[in-house]
Amino acid sequence: GGVTAGAAGTLLGPAGTAHAAPRSIGDVARRLDRHLIALRRD
């Protein structure tokens, strides 16, 4: 699901959520977008 990130922390997902595993590089990478932008800003 949605991704959050503590400043320079590890990848966190919403507790209790369950989704099908992403099928492609694009799927996985897009789910990381918010985390990576937060990482870059840190």
All heavy atoms as atom14 arrays in JSON, in Angstrom:
{
  "sequence": "GGVTAGAAGTLLGPAGTAHAAPRSIGDVARRLDRHLIALRRD",
  "atom14_mask": [
    [1, 1, 1, 1, 0, 0, 0, 0, 0, 0, 0, 0, 0, 0],
    [1, 1, 1, 1, 0, 0, 0, 0, 0, 0, 0, 0, 0, 0],
    [1, 1, 1, 1, 1, 1, 1, 0, 0, 0, 0, 0, 0, 0],
    [1, 1, 1, 1, 1, 1, 1, 0, 0, 0, 0, 0, 0, 0],
    [1, 1, 1, 1, 1, 0, 0, 0, 0, 0, 0, 0, 0, 0],
    [1, 1, 1, 1, 0, 0, 0, 0, 0, 0, 0, 0, 0, 0],
    [1, 1, 1, 1, 1, 0, 0, 0, 0, 0, 0, 0, 0, 0],
    [1, 1, 1, 1, 1, 0, 0, 0, 0, 0, 0, 0, 0, 0],
    [1, 1, 1, 1, 0, 0, 0, 0, 0, 0, 0, 0, 0, 0],
    [1, 1, 1, 1, 1, 1, 1, 0, 0, 0, 0, 0, 0, 0],
    [1, 1, 1, 1, 1, 1, 1, 1, 0, 0, 0, 0, 0, 0],
    [1, 1, 1, 1, 1, 1, 1, 1, 0, 0, 0, 0, 0, 0],
    [1, 1, 1, 1, 0, 0, 0, 0, 0, 0, 0, 0, 0, 0],
    [1, 1, 1, 1, 1, 1, 1, 0, 0, 0, 0, 0, 0, 0],
    [1, 1, 1, 1, 1, 0, 0, 0, 0, 0, 0, 0, 0, 0],
    [1, 1, 1, 1, 0, 0, 0, 0, 0, 0, 0, 0, 0, 0],
    [1, 1, 1, 1, 1, 1, 1, 0, 0, 0, 0, 0, 0, 0],
    [1, 1, 1, 1, 1, 0, 0, 0, 0, 0, 0, 0, 0, 0],
    [1, 1, 1, 1, 1, 1, 1, 1, 1, 1, 0, 0, 0, 0],
    [1, 1, 1, 1, 1, 0, 0, 0, 0, 0, 0, 0, 0, 0],
    [1, 1, 1, 1, 1, 0, 0, 0, 0, 0, 0, 0, 0, 0],
    [1, 1, 1, 1, 1, 1, 1, 0, 0, 0, 0, 0, 0, 0],
    [1, 1, 1, 1, 1, 1, 1, 1, 1, 1, 1, 0, 0, 0],
    [1, 1, 1, 1, 1, 1, 0, 0, 0, 0, 0, 0, 0, 0],
    [1, 1, 1, 1, 1, 1, 1, 1, 0, 0, 0, 0, 0, 0],
    [1, 1, 1, 1, 0, 0, 0, 0, 0, 0, 0, 0, 0, 0],
    [1, 1, 1, 1, 1, 1, 1, 1, 0, 0, 0, 0, 0, 0],
    [1, 1, 1, 1, 1, 1, 1, 0, 0, 0, 0, 0, 0, 0],
    [1, 1, 1, 1, 1, 0, 0, 0, 0, 0, 0, 0, 0, 0],
    [1, 1, 1, 1, 1, 1, 1, 1, 1, 1, 1, 0, 0, 0],
    [1, 1, 1, 1, 1, 1, 1, 1, 1, 1, 1, 0, 0, 0],
    [1, 1, 1, 1, 1, 1, 1, 1, 0, 0, 0, 0, 0, 0],
    [1, 1, 1, 1, 1, 1, 1, 1, 0, 0, 0, 0, 0, 0],
    [1, 1, 1, 1, 1, 1, 1, 1, 1, 1, 1, 0, 0, 0],
    [1, 1, 1, 1, 1, 1, 1, 1, 1, 1, 0, 0, 0, 0],
    [1, 1, 1, 1, 1, 1, 1, 1, 0, 0, 0, 0, 0, 0],
    [1, 1, 1, 1, 1, 1, 1, 1, 0, 0, 0, 0, 0, 0],
    [1, 1, 1, 1, 1, 0, 0, 0, 0, 0, 0, 0, 0, 0],
    [1, 1, 1, 1, 1, 1, 1, 1, 0, 0, 0, 0, 0, 0],
    [1, 1, 1, 1, 1, 1, 1, 1, 1, 1, 1, 0, 0, 0],
    [1, 1, 1, 1, 1, 1, 1, 1, 1, 1, 1, 0, 0, 0],
    [1, 1, 1, 1, 1, 1, 1, 1, 0, 0, 0, 0, 0, 0]
  ],
  "atom14_positions": [
    [[0.8, -1.21, 0.0], [0.0, 0.0, 0.0], [0.84, 1.26, 0.0], [1.92, 1.33, -0.53], [0.0, 0.0, 0.0], [0.0, 0.0, 0.0], [0.0, 0.0, 0.0], [0.0, 0.0, 0.0], [0.0, 0.0, 0.0], [0.0, 0.0, 0.0], [0.0, 0.0, 0.0], [0.0, 0.0, 0.0], [0.0, 0.0, 0.0], [0.0, 0.0, 0.0]],
    [[0.31, 2.3, 0.67], [1.02, 3.56, 0.76], [2.27, 3.42, 1.57], [2.34, 2.65, 2.51], [0.0, 0.0, 0.0], [0.0, 0.0, 0.0], [0.0, 0.0, 0.0], [0.0, 0.0, 0.0], [0.0, 0.0, 0.0], [0.0, 0.0, 0.0], [0.0, 0.0, 0.0], [0.0, 0.0, 0.0], [0.0, 0.0, 0.0], [0.0, 0.0, 0.0]],
    [[3.27, 4.21, 1.23], [4.55, 4.12, 1.88], [4.81, 5.39, 2.66], [4.55, 6.48, 2.2], [5.66, 3.93, 0.84], [7.02, 3.94, 1.5], [5.44, 2.63, 0.1], [0.0, 0.0, 0.0], [0.0, 0.0, 0.0], [0.0, 0.0, 0.0], [0.0, 0.0, 0.0], [0.0, 0.0, 0.0], [0.0, 0.0, 0.0], [0.0, 0.0, 0.0]],
    [[5.34, 5.22, 3.86], [5.8, 6.37, 4.61], [7.24, 6.13, 4.98], [7.75, 5.03, 4.89], [4.97, 6.58, 5.9], [5.1, 5.42, 6.72], [3.5, 6.8, 5.57], [0.0, 0.0, 0.0], [0.0, 0.0, 0.0], [0.0, 0.0, 0.0], [0.0, 0.0, 0.0], [0.0, 0.0, 0.0], [0.0, 0.0, 0.0], [0.0, 0.0, 0.0]],
    [[7.92, 7.16, 5.39], [9.33, 7.0, 5.75], [9.68, 7.96, 6.84], [9.36, 9.13, 6.77], [10.21, 7.25, 4.54], [0.0, 0.0, 0.0], [0.0, 0.0, 0.0], [0.0, 0.0, 0.0], [0.0, 0.0, 0.0], [0.0, 0.0, 0.0], [0.0, 0.0, 0.0], [0.0, 0.0, 0.0], [0.0, 0.0, 0.0], [0.0, 0.0, 0.0]],
    [[10.35, 7.46, 7.86], [10.95, 8.36, 8.83], [12.17, 8.96, 8.17], [12.7, 8.44, 7.22], [0.0, 0.0, 0.0], [0.0, 0.0, 0.0], [0.0, 0.0, 0.0], [0.0, 0.0, 0.0], [0.0, 0.0, 0.0], [0.0, 0.0, 0.0], [0.0, 0.0, 0.0], [0.0, 0.0, 0.0], [0.0, 0.0, 0.0], [0.0, 0.0, 0.0]],
    [[12.64, 10.08, 8.68], [13.8, 10.72, 8.08], [14.96, 9.75, 8.08], [15.44, 9.34, 9.12], [14.16, 11.98, 8.86], [0.0, 0.0, 0.0], [0.0, 0.0, 0.0], [0.0, 0.0, 0.0], [0.0, 0.0, 0.0], [0.0, 0.0, 0.0], [0.0, 0.0, 0.0], [0.0, 0.0, 0.0], [0.0, 0.0, 0.0], [0.0, 0.0, 0.0]],
    [[15.39, 9.38, 6.9], [16.5, 8.45, 6.72], [16.24, 7.11, 7.37], [17.14, 6.35, 7.66], [17.79, 9.04, 7.28], [0.0, 0.0, 0.0], [0.0, 0.0, 0.0], [0.0, 0.0, 0.0], [0.0, 0.0, 0.0], [0.0, 0.0, 0.0], [0.0, 0.0, 0.0], [0.0, 0.0, 0.0], [0.0, 0.0, 0.0], [0.0, 0.0, 0.0]],
    [[14.97, 6.79, 7.64], [14.65, 5.55, 8.32], [14.37, 4.43, 7.36], [14.62, 4.51, 6.16], [0.0, 0.0, 0.0], [0.0, 0.0, 0.0], [0.0, 0.0, 0.0], [0.0, 0.0, 0.0], [0.0, 0.0, 0.0], [0.0, 0.0, 0.0], [0.0, 0.0, 0.0], [0.0, 0.0, 0.0], [0.0, 0.0, 0.0], [0.0, 0.0, 0.0]],
    [[13.8, 3.33, 7.86], [13.52, 2.18, 7.02], [12.12, 2.32, 6.44], [11.31, 3.13, 6.87], [13.61, 0.9, 7.85], [12.71, 0.99, 8.95], [15.01, 0.7, 8.37], [0.0, 0.0, 0.0], [0.0, 0.0, 0.0], [0.0, 0.0, 0.0], [0.0, 0.0, 0.0], [0.0, 0.0, 0.0], [0.0, 0.0, 0.0], [0.0, 0.0, 0.0]],
    [[11.85, 1.51, 5.43], [10.56, 1.55, 4.76], [9.47, 1.02, 5.68], [9.6, -0.03, 6.27], [10.64, 0.71, 3.49], [9.48, 0.84, 2.52], [9.45, 2.25, 1.94], [9.62, -0.17, 1.41], [0.0, 0.0, 0.0], [0.0, 0.0, 0.0], [0.0, 0.0, 0.0], [0.0, 0.0, 0.0], [0.0, 0.0, 0.0], [0.0, 0.0, 0.0]],
    [[8.38, 1.76, 5.78], [7.28, 1.37, 6.65], [6.0, 1.3, 5.84], [5.76, 2.13, 4.97], [7.1, 2.41, 7.77], [8.34, 2.67, 8.64], [8.05, 3.83, 9.59], [8.72, 1.43, 9.41], [0.0, 0.0, 0.0], [0.0, 0.0, 0.0], [0.0, 0.0, 0.0], [0.0, 0.0, 0.0], [0.0, 0.0, 0.0], [0.0, 0.0, 0.0]],
    [[5.16, 0.34, 6.17], [3.86, 0.25, 5.52], [2.76, 0.32, 6.57], [3.0, 0.09, 7.75], [0.0, 0.0, 0.0], [0.0, 0.0, 0.0], [0.0, 0.0, 0.0], [0.0, 0.0, 0.0], [0.0, 0.0, 0.0], [0.0, 0.0, 0.0], [0.0, 0.0, 0.0], [0.0, 0.0, 0.0], [0.0, 0.0, 0.0], [0.0, 0.0, 0.0]],
    [[1.54, 0.68, 6.16], [0.45, 0.77, 7.11], [0.19, -0.57, 7.79], [0.12, -1.59, 7.13], [-0.75, 1.18, 6.25], [-0.18, 1.61, 4.94], [1.13, 0.95, 4.79], [0.0, 0.0, 0.0], [0.0, 0.0, 0.0], [0.0, 0.0, 0.0], [0.0, 0.0, 0.0], [0.0, 0.0, 0.0], [0.0, 0.0, 0.0], [0.0, 0.0, 0.0]],
    [[0.1, -0.56, 9.09], [-0.12, -1.8, 9.83], [-1.45, -2.43, 9.44], [-2.45, -1.75, 9.26], [-0.12, -1.52, 11.33], [0.0, 0.0, 0.0], [0.0, 0.0, 0.0], [0.0, 0.0, 0.0], [0.0, 0.0, 0.0], [0.0, 0.0, 0.0], [0.0, 0.0, 0.0], [0.0, 0.0, 0.0], [0.0, 0.0, 0.0], [0.0, 0.0, 0.0]],
    [[-1.44, -3.75, 9.3], [-2.67, -4.49, 9.07], [-3.14, -4.51, 7.64], [-4.18, -5.06, 7.36], [0.0, 0.0, 0.0], [0.0, 0.0, 0.0], [0.0, 0.0, 0.0], [0.0, 0.0, 0.0], [0.0, 0.0, 0.0], [0.0, 0.0, 0.0], [0.0, 0.0, 0.0], [0.0, 0.0, 0.0], [0.0, 0.0, 0.0], [0.0, 0.0, 0.0]],
    [[-2.39, -3.88, 6.7], [-2.83, -3.91, 5.32], [-2.29, -5.14, 4.62], [-1.26, -5.68, 4.99], [-2.36, -2.66, 4.57], [-0.94, -2.6, 4.65], [-2.96, -1.41, 5.16], [0.0, 0.0, 0.0], [0.0, 0.0, 0.0], [0.0, 0.0, 0.0], [0.0, 0.0, 0.0], [0.0, 0.0, 0.0], [0.0, 0.0, 0.0], [0.0, 0.0, 0.0]],
    [[-2.95, -5.59, 3.59], [-2.49, -6.75, 2.82], [-2.88, -6.54, 1.37], [-4.03, -6.3, 1.06], [-3.12, -8.02, 3.37], [0.0, 0.0, 0.0], [0.0, 0.0, 0.0], [0.0, 0.0, 0.0], [0.0, 0.0, 0.0], [0.0, 0.0, 0.0], [0.0, 0.0, 0.0], [0.0, 0.0, 0.0], [0.0, 0.0, 0.0], [0.0, 0.0, 0.0]],
    [[-1.89, -6.61, 0.52], [-2.13, -6.41, -0.91], [-1.39, -7.49, -1.69], [-0.42, -8.08, -1.2], [-1.65, -5.03, -1.37], [-2.37, -3.9, -0.71], [-3.48, -3.3, -1.25], [-2.14, -3.28, 0.48], [-3.91, -2.34, -0.45], [-3.1, -2.31, 0.61], [0.0, 0.0, 0.0], [0.0, 0.0, 0.0], [0.0, 0.0, 0.0], [0.0, 0.0, 0.0]],
    [[-1.81, -7.71, -2.91], [-1.07, -8.65, -3.75], [0.32, -8.11, -4.0], [0.52, -6.91, -4.09], [-1.82, -8.83, -5.08], [0.0, 0.0, 0.0], [0.0, 0.0, 0.0], [0.0, 0.0, 0.0], [0.0, 0.0, 0.0], [0.0, 0.0, 0.0], [0.0, 0.0, 0.0], [0.0, 0.0, 0.0], [0.0, 0.0, 0.0], [0.0, 0.0, 0.0]],
    [[1.27, -9.01, -4.09], [2.65, -8.59, -4.35], [2.73, -7.9, -5.71], [2.08, -8.32, -6.66], [3.58, -9.8, -4.32], [0.0, 0.0, 0.0], [0.0, 0.0, 0.0], [0.0, 0.0, 0.0], [0.0, 0.0, 0.0], [0.0, 0.0, 0.0], [0.0, 0.0, 0.0], [0.0, 0.0, 0.0], [0.0, 0.0, 0.0], [0.0, 0.0, 0.0]],
    [[3.48, -6.83, -5.81], [3.63, -6.15, -7.09], [4.2, -7.1, -8.14], [5.0, -7.97, -7.84], [4.63, -5.03, -6.76], [4.51, -4.84, -5.28], [4.22, -6.18, -4.73], [0.0, 0.0, 0.0], [0.0, 0.0, 0.0], [0.0, 0.0, 0.0], [0.0, 0.0, 0.0], [0.0, 0.0, 0.0], [0.0, 0.0, 0.0], [0.0, 0.0, 0.0]],
    [[3.8, -6.89, -9.4], [4.16, -7.81, -10.46], [5.34, -7.34, -11.31], [5.89, -8.13, -12.05], [2.94, -8.04, -11.37], [1.78, -8.73, -10.67], [0.65, -8.96, -11.64], [-0.46, -9.68, -11.02], [-1.57, -10.02, -11.65], [-1.72, -9.71, -12.93], [-2.53, -10.66, -11.03], [0.0, 0.0, 0.0], [0.0, 0.0, 0.0], [0.0, 0.0, 0.0]],
    [[5.69, -6.11, -11.27], [6.71, -5.61, -12.19], [7.61, -4.6, -11.5], [7.31, -4.11, -10.4], [6.04, -4.95, -13.39], [5.41, -3.73, -12.99], [0.0, 0.0, 0.0], [0.0, 0.0, 0.0], [0.0, 0.0, 0.0], [0.0, 0.0, 0.0], [0.0, 0.0, 0.0], [0.0, 0.0, 0.0], [0.0, 0.0, 0.0], [0.0, 0.0, 0.0]],
    [[8.72, -4.29, -12.17], [9.61, -3.26, -11.67], [8.86, -1.94, -11.5], [8.99, -1.26, -10.48], [10.81, -3.09, -12.63], [11.75, -4.29, -12.47], [11.53, -1.78, -12.38], [12.88, -4.31, -13.48], [0.0, 0.0, 0.0], [0.0, 0.0, 0.0], [0.0, 0.0, 0.0], [0.0, 0.0, 0.0], [0.0, 0.0, 0.0], [0.0, 0.0, 0.0]],
    [[8.07, -1.6, -12.49], [7.32, -0.36, -12.4], [6.38, -0.33, -11.21], [6.27, 0.69, -10.51], [0.0, 0.0, 0.0], [0.0, 0.0, 0.0], [0.0, 0.0, 0.0], [0.0, 0.0, 0.0], [0.0, 0.0, 0.0], [0.0, 0.0, 0.0], [0.0, 0.0, 0.0], [0.0, 0.0, 0.0], [0.0, 0.0, 0.0], [0.0, 0.0, 0.0]],
    [[5.67, -1.45, -10.96], [4.76, -1.51, -9.81], [5.5, -1.28, -8.5], [5.08, -0.49, -7.65], [4.06, -2.88, -9.75], [3.06, -3.09, -10.87], [2.59, -2.08, -11.44], [2.77, -4.26, -11.18], [0.0, 0.0, 0.0], [0.0, 0.0, 0.0], [0.0, 0.0, 0.0], [0.0, 0.0, 0.0], [0.0, 0.0, 0.0], [0.0, 0.0, 0.0]],
    [[6.61, -2.0, -8.33], [7.38, -1.88, -7.09], [7.94, -0.48, -6.93], [7.84, 0.14, -5.89], [8.52, -2.92, -7.05], [9.37, -2.74, -5.8], [7.95, -4.34, -7.09], [0.0, 0.0, 0.0], [0.0, 0.0, 0.0], [0.0, 0.0, 0.0], [0.0, 0.0, 0.0], [0.0, 0.0, 0.0], [0.0, 0.0, 0.0], [0.0, 0.0, 0.0]],
    [[8.54, 0.02, -7.99], [9.18, 1.32, -7.91], [8.18, 2.43, -7.58], [8.47, 3.32, -6.77], [9.9, 1.62, -9.22], [0.0, 0.0, 0.0], [0.0, 0.0, 0.0], [0.0, 0.0, 0.0], [0.0, 0.0, 0.0], [0.0, 0.0, 0.0], [0.0, 0.0, 0.0], [0.0, 0.0, 0.0], [0.0, 0.0, 0.0], [0.0, 0.0, 0.0]],
    [[7.01, 2.39, -8.18], [6.01, 3.43, -7.91], [5.56, 3.4, -6.46], [5.26, 4.45, -5.88], [4.81, 3.27, -8.84], [5.14, 3.65, -10.28], [3.94, 3.59, -11.19], [4.32, 3.85, -12.57], [4.68, 2.92, -13.43], [4.69, 1.63, -13.06], [5.03, 3.24, -14.66], [0.0, 0.0, 0.0], [0.0, 0.0, 0.0], [0.0, 0.0, 0.0]],
    [[5.5, 2.22, -5.85], [5.13, 2.13, -4.44], [6.2, 2.71, -3.52], [5.95, 2.96, -2.34], [4.83, 0.67, -4.07], [3.6, 0.11, -4.78], [3.43, -1.37, -4.51], [2.31, -1.92, -5.28], [1.32, -2.63, -4.75], [1.3, -2.86, -3.45], [0.37, -3.11, -5.51], [0.0, 0.0, 0.0], [0.0, 0.0, 0.0], [0.0, 0.0, 0.0]],
    [[7.38, 2.92, -4.07], [8.49, 3.48, -3.3], [8.63, 4.99, -3.48], [9.46, 5.61, -2.82], [9.8, 2.81, -3.71], [10.02, 1.37, -3.25], [11.19, 0.75, -4.03], [10.28, 1.32, -1.76], [0.0, 0.0, 0.0], [0.0, 0.0, 0.0], [0.0, 0.0, 0.0], [0.0, 0.0, 0.0], [0.0, 0.0, 0.0], [0.0, 0.0, 0.0]],
    [[7.86, 5.57, -4.36], [8.06, 6.98, -4.7], [8.08, 7.9, -3.49], [8.99, 8.72, -3.33], [6.96, 7.44, -5.68], [7.26, 7.04, -7.12], [8.4, 6.63, -7.41], [6.33, 7.13, -7.95], [0.0, 0.0, 0.0], [0.0, 0.0, 0.0], [0.0, 0.0, 0.0], [0.0, 0.0, 0.0], [0.0, 0.0, 0.0], [0.0, 0.0, 0.0]],
    [[7.07, 7.79, -2.64], [7.0, 8.7, -1.48], [8.17, 8.49, -0.54], [8.75, 9.46, -0.01], [5.67, 8.51, -0.74], [4.46, 9.06, -1.5], [3.15, 8.64, -0.86], [3.11, 9.0, 0.56], [2.21, 8.51, 1.42], [1.32, 7.62, 1.0], [2.21, 8.9, 2.68], [0.0, 0.0, 0.0], [0.0, 0.0, 0.0], [0.0, 0.0, 0.0]],
    [[8.53, 7.26, -0.32], [9.67, 6.95, 0.54], [10.96, 7.56, -0.01], [11.75, 8.16, 0.72], [9.84, 5.43, 0.67], [11.1, 5.02, 1.36], [11.34, 5.26, 2.69], [12.21, 4.39, 0.88], [12.54, 4.79, 3.02], [13.09, 4.26, 1.94], [0.0, 0.0, 0.0], [0.0, 0.0, 0.0], [0.0, 0.0, 0.0], [0.0, 0.0, 0.0]],
    [[11.15, 7.44, -1.3], [12.39, 7.92, -1.9], [12.45, 9.44, -1.93], [13.52, 10.03, -1.72], [12.55, 7.34, -3.3], [12.74, 5.82, -3.34], [12.81, 5.33, -4.79], [13.97, 5.38, -2.56], [0.0, 0.0, 0.0], [0.0, 0.0, 0.0], [0.0, 0.0, 0.0], [0.0, 0.0, 0.0], [0.0, 0.0, 0.0], [0.0, 0.0, 0.0]],
    [[11.35, 10.09, -2.16], [11.36, 11.55, -2.11], [11.69, 12.02, -0.7], [12.48, 12.97, -0.5], [10.02, 12.11, -2.61], [9.92, 11.91, -4.14], [9.89, 13.59, -2.26], [8.59, 12.33, -4.73], [0.0, 0.0, 0.0], [0.0, 0.0, 0.0], [0.0, 0.0, 0.0], [0.0, 0.0, 0.0], [0.0, 0.0, 0.0], [0.0, 0.0, 0.0]],
    [[11.11, 11.35, 0.31], [11.44, 11.71, 1.69], [12.92, 11.46, 1.99], [13.58, 12.25, 2.68], [10.57, 10.9, 2.66], [0.0, 0.0, 0.0], [0.0, 0.0, 0.0], [0.0, 0.0, 0.0], [0.0, 0.0, 0.0], [0.0, 0.0, 0.0], [0.0, 0.0, 0.0], [0.0, 0.0, 0.0], [0.0, 0.0, 0.0], [0.0, 0.0, 0.0]],
    [[13.45, 10.38, 1.46], [14.87, 10.08, 1.64], [15.73, 11.15, 1.0], [16.68, 11.66, 1.61], [15.19, 8.7, 1.04], [16.68, 8.32, 1.0], [17.26, 8.26, 2.41], [16.84, 6.97, 0.29], [0.0, 0.0, 0.0], [0.0, 0.0, 0.0], [0.0, 0.0, 0.0], [0.0, 0.0, 0.0], [0.0, 0.0, 0.0], [0.0, 0.0, 0.0]],
    [[15.41, 11.51, -0.21], [16.19, 12.55, -0.88], [16.16, 13.85, -0.12], [17.19, 14.52, 0.04], [15.66, 12.76, -2.3], [16.47, 13.79, -3.09], [15.87, 15.17, -3.11], [16.83, 16.17, -3.58], [16.5, 17.4, -3.92], [15.24, 17.81, -3.83], [17.43, 18.27, -4.29], [0.0, 0.0, 0.0], [0.0, 0.0, 0.0], [0.0, 0.0, 0.0]],
    [[15.01, 14.25, 0.38], [14.91, 15.51, 1.12], [15.72, 15.46, 2.41], [16.32, 16.46, 2.81], [13.45, 15.84, 1.38], [12.69, 16.16, 0.1], [11.22, 16.43, 0.33], [10.56, 16.7, -0.95], [9.25, 16.92, -1.08], [8.45, 16.9, -0.01], [8.73, 17.15, -2.28], [0.0, 0.0, 0.0], [0.0, 0.0, 0.0], [0.0, 0.0, 0.0]],
    [[15.75, 14.3, 3.05], [16.56, 14.14, 4.26], [18.04, 14.29, 3.93], [18.78, 15.0, 4.62], [16.28, 12.78, 4.89], [17.17, 12.51, 6.08], [16.99, 13.18, 7.12], [18.08, 11.66, 5.97], [0.0, 0.0, 0.0], [0.0, 0.0, 0.0], [0.0, 0.0, 0.0], [0.0, 0.0, 0.0], [0.0, 0.0, 0.0], [0.0, 0.0, 0.0]]
  ]
}
